[in-house]
Amino acid sequence: MVLAWIHRSISESIARSVLWIDTAAGVWKNLRVRFSQSDIFRISDLQEDLYRFRQGTLDVSDYFTQLK
């Protein structure tokens, strides 16, 4: 069931490339390795944003939502 869900959730060309993998865990691992290339500049920007982010006058709910 999970394997079918993954296949329906990805583009057709990507699905064809993982069609031969017979377990959901195997497909997930393949996709993670393929698409988890880190972007050091984006990571740095996010870390800076998190460092500077303050609650200020926001209530806890709004603060948490923006933080997410």
N, C-alpha and C. Protein backbone atom coordinates (compact mmCIF):
# COMPACT_ATOMS: atom_id res chain seq x y z
N MET A 1 0.83 -1.18 0.00
CA MET A 1 0.00 0.00 0.00
C MET A 1 0.88 1.26 0.00
N VAL A 2 1.90 1.30 0.85
CA VAL A 2 2.77 2.47 0.92
C VAL A 2 3.55 2.63 -0.38
N LEU A 3 4.00 1.53 -0.93
CA LEU A 3 4.74 1.59 -2.19
C LEU A 3 3.87 2.18 -3.30
N ALA A 4 2.61 1.78 -3.37
CA ALA A 4 1.69 2.33 -4.37
C ALA A 4 1.47 3.81 -4.13
N TRP A 5 1.34 4.22 -2.88
CA TRP A 5 1.16 5.64 -2.56
C TRP A 5 2.37 6.45 -3.01
N ILE A 6 3.57 5.95 -2.76
CA ILE A 6 4.78 6.66 -3.18
C ILE A 6 4.80 6.79 -4.69
N HIS A 7 4.52 5.71 -5.40
CA HIS A 7 4.53 5.76 -6.86
C HIS A 7 3.52 6.77 -7.41
N ARG A 8 2.35 6.88 -6.76
CA ARG A 8 1.35 7.84 -7.23
C ARG A 8 1.70 9.28 -6.85
N SER A 9 2.60 9.45 -5.88
CA SER A 9 2.94 10.78 -5.38
C SER A 9 4.11 11.43 -6.09
N ILE A 10 4.80 10.69 -6.91
CA ILE A 10 5.98 11.24 -7.59
C ILE A 10 5.70 11.34 -9.08
N SER A 11 6.53 12.11 -9.77
CA SER A 11 6.30 12.29 -11.20
C SER A 11 6.51 10.97 -11.94
N GLU A 12 5.93 10.90 -13.11
CA GLU A 12 5.98 9.66 -13.89
C GLU A 12 7.41 9.26 -14.23
N SER A 13 8.24 10.21 -14.58
CA SER A 13 9.62 9.87 -14.94
C SER A 13 10.41 9.35 -13.74
N ILE A 14 10.18 9.93 -12.57
CA ILE A 14 10.85 9.44 -11.36
C ILE A 14 10.30 8.07 -10.99
N ALA A 15 9.00 7.90 -11.10
CA ALA A 15 8.38 6.61 -10.80
C ALA A 15 8.96 5.51 -11.67
N ARG A 16 9.19 5.80 -12.94
CA ARG A 16 9.79 4.79 -13.83
C ARG A 16 11.19 4.41 -13.38
N SER A 17 11.92 5.36 -12.79
CA SER A 17 13.29 5.06 -12.38
C SER A 17 13.37 4.24 -11.10
N VAL A 18 12.29 4.19 -10.32
CA VAL A 18 12.28 3.40 -9.09
C VAL A 18 11.32 2.22 -9.18
N LEU A 19 10.79 1.98 -10.36
CA LEU A 19 9.81 0.92 -10.56
C LEU A 19 10.37 -0.45 -10.19
N TRP A 20 11.62 -0.67 -10.41
CA TRP A 20 12.25 -1.97 -10.16
C TRP A 20 12.51 -2.24 -8.67
N ILE A 21 12.39 -1.23 -7.82
CA ILE A 21 12.60 -1.40 -6.38
C ILE A 21 11.30 -1.94 -5.79
N ASP A 22 11.38 -3.06 -5.08
CA ASP A 22 10.16 -3.74 -4.66
C ASP A 22 9.69 -3.47 -3.23
N THR A 23 10.36 -2.57 -2.51
CA THR A 23 9.88 -2.22 -1.16
C THR A 23 9.76 -0.71 -1.02
N ALA A 24 8.83 -0.29 -0.18
CA ALA A 24 8.65 1.15 0.06
C ALA A 24 9.91 1.73 0.69
N ALA A 25 10.52 0.99 1.60
CA ALA A 25 11.75 1.47 2.25
C ALA A 25 12.87 1.66 1.23
N GLY A 26 12.96 0.76 0.28
CA GLY A 26 13.98 0.86 -0.76
C GLY A 26 13.76 2.08 -1.65
N VAL A 27 12.51 2.31 -2.04
CA VAL A 27 12.19 3.49 -2.86
C VAL A 27 12.48 4.75 -2.08
N TRP A 28 12.06 4.78 -0.82
CA TRP A 28 12.26 5.96 0.01
C TRP A 28 13.76 6.27 0.15
N LYS A 29 14.57 5.24 0.37
CA LYS A 29 16.01 5.43 0.51
C LYS A 29 16.60 5.97 -0.79
N ASN A 30 16.16 5.42 -1.92
CA ASN A 30 16.64 5.89 -3.22
C ASN A 30 16.30 7.36 -3.43
N LEU A 31 15.06 7.75 -3.13
CA LEU A 31 14.63 9.13 -3.30
C LEU A 31 15.37 10.07 -2.35
N ARG A 32 15.60 9.61 -1.12
CA ARG A 32 16.32 10.43 -0.14
C ARG A 32 17.75 10.70 -0.62
N VAL A 33 18.43 9.67 -1.09
CA VAL A 33 19.79 9.85 -1.58
C VAL A 33 19.81 10.76 -2.80
N ARG A 34 18.83 10.59 -3.67
CA ARG A 34 18.77 11.37 -4.90
C ARG A 34 18.49 12.86 -4.66
N PHE A 35 17.59 13.16 -3.71
CA PHE A 35 17.13 14.53 -3.55
C PHE A 35 17.59 15.22 -2.28
N SER A 36 18.40 14.60 -1.48
CA SER A 36 18.80 15.23 -0.22
C SER A 36 20.14 15.95 -0.31
N GLN A 37 20.49 16.40 -1.48
CA GLN A 37 21.72 17.16 -1.63
C GLN A 37 21.57 18.47 -0.88
N SER A 38 22.46 18.71 0.04
CA SER A 38 22.32 19.92 0.86
C SER A 38 22.79 21.16 0.10
N ASP A 39 22.17 22.25 0.40
CA ASP A 39 22.51 23.55 -0.17
C ASP A 39 23.05 24.40 0.97
N ILE A 40 24.37 24.47 1.09
CA ILE A 40 25.02 25.12 2.22
C ILE A 40 24.61 26.59 2.34
N PHE A 41 24.35 27.25 1.23
CA PHE A 41 23.95 28.66 1.28
C PHE A 41 22.54 28.81 1.83
N ARG A 42 21.64 27.90 1.42
CA ARG A 42 20.26 27.94 1.94
C ARG A 42 20.25 27.62 3.43
N ILE A 43 21.04 26.64 3.84
CA ILE A 43 21.13 26.29 5.25
C ILE A 43 21.63 27.47 6.06
N SER A 44 22.63 28.15 5.56
CA SER A 44 23.18 29.32 6.25
C SER A 44 22.13 30.42 6.38
N ASP A 45 21.38 30.66 5.31
CA ASP A 45 20.31 31.68 5.36
C ASP A 45 19.24 31.31 6.38
N LEU A 46 18.85 30.04 6.43
CA LEU A 46 17.84 29.61 7.39
C LEU A 46 18.35 29.73 8.82
N GLN A 47 19.60 29.37 9.05
CA GLN A 47 20.16 29.49 10.39
C GLN A 47 20.20 30.94 10.83
N GLU A 48 20.55 31.84 9.92
CA GLU A 48 20.57 33.27 10.24
C GLU A 48 19.17 33.78 10.56
N ASP A 49 18.18 33.36 9.76
CA ASP A 49 16.80 33.76 10.02
C ASP A 49 16.33 33.28 11.39
N LEU A 50 16.65 32.03 11.72
CA LEU A 50 16.26 31.49 13.03
C LEU A 50 16.94 32.24 14.17
N TYR A 51 18.19 32.59 13.98
CA TYR A 51 18.93 33.30 15.01
C TYR A 51 18.32 34.68 15.28
N ARG A 52 17.87 35.35 14.22
CA ARG A 52 17.33 36.70 14.34
C ARG A 52 15.85 36.75 14.71
N PHE A 53 15.14 35.65 14.56
CA PHE A 53 13.70 35.64 14.78
C PHE A 53 13.37 35.81 16.26
N ARG A 54 12.46 36.72 16.56
CA ARG A 54 12.05 37.00 17.93
C ARG A 54 10.54 37.01 18.01
N GLN A 55 10.01 36.66 19.17
CA GLN A 55 8.57 36.63 19.36
C GLN A 55 7.97 38.03 19.33
N GLY A 56 8.65 38.98 19.96
CA GLY A 56 8.16 40.36 19.98
C GLY A 56 6.74 40.44 20.49
N THR A 57 5.85 41.03 19.70
CA THR A 57 4.46 41.21 20.13
C THR A 57 3.54 40.08 19.66
N LEU A 58 4.09 39.06 19.01
CA LEU A 58 3.28 37.95 18.53
C LEU A 58 2.81 37.09 19.71
N ASP A 59 1.58 36.57 19.61
CA ASP A 59 1.18 35.61 20.63
C ASP A 59 1.87 34.28 20.33
N VAL A 60 1.82 33.36 21.25
CA VAL A 60 2.56 32.11 21.13
C VAL A 60 2.17 31.34 19.87
N SER A 61 0.88 31.31 19.56
CA SER A 61 0.40 30.57 18.39
C SER A 61 0.97 31.15 17.09
N ASP A 62 0.90 32.47 16.94
CA ASP A 62 1.45 33.11 15.73
C ASP A 62 2.96 32.96 15.66
N TYR A 63 3.61 33.09 16.80
CA TYR A 63 5.07 32.93 16.85
C TYR A 63 5.46 31.53 16.39
N PHE A 64 4.80 30.51 16.93
CA PHE A 64 5.10 29.14 16.55
C PHE A 64 4.84 28.90 15.08
N THR A 65 3.72 29.42 14.57
CA THR A 65 3.37 29.24 13.16
C THR A 65 4.43 29.85 12.25
N GLN A 66 4.88 31.06 12.56
CA GLN A 66 5.92 31.70 11.75
C GLN A 66 7.25 30.99 11.89
N LEU A 67 7.53 30.49 13.07
CA LEU A 67 8.78 29.77 13.29
C LEU A 67 8.81 28.48 12.46
N LYS A 68 7.69 27.81 12.39
CA LYS A 68 7.60 26.57 11.58
C LYS A 68 7.86 26.89 10.13
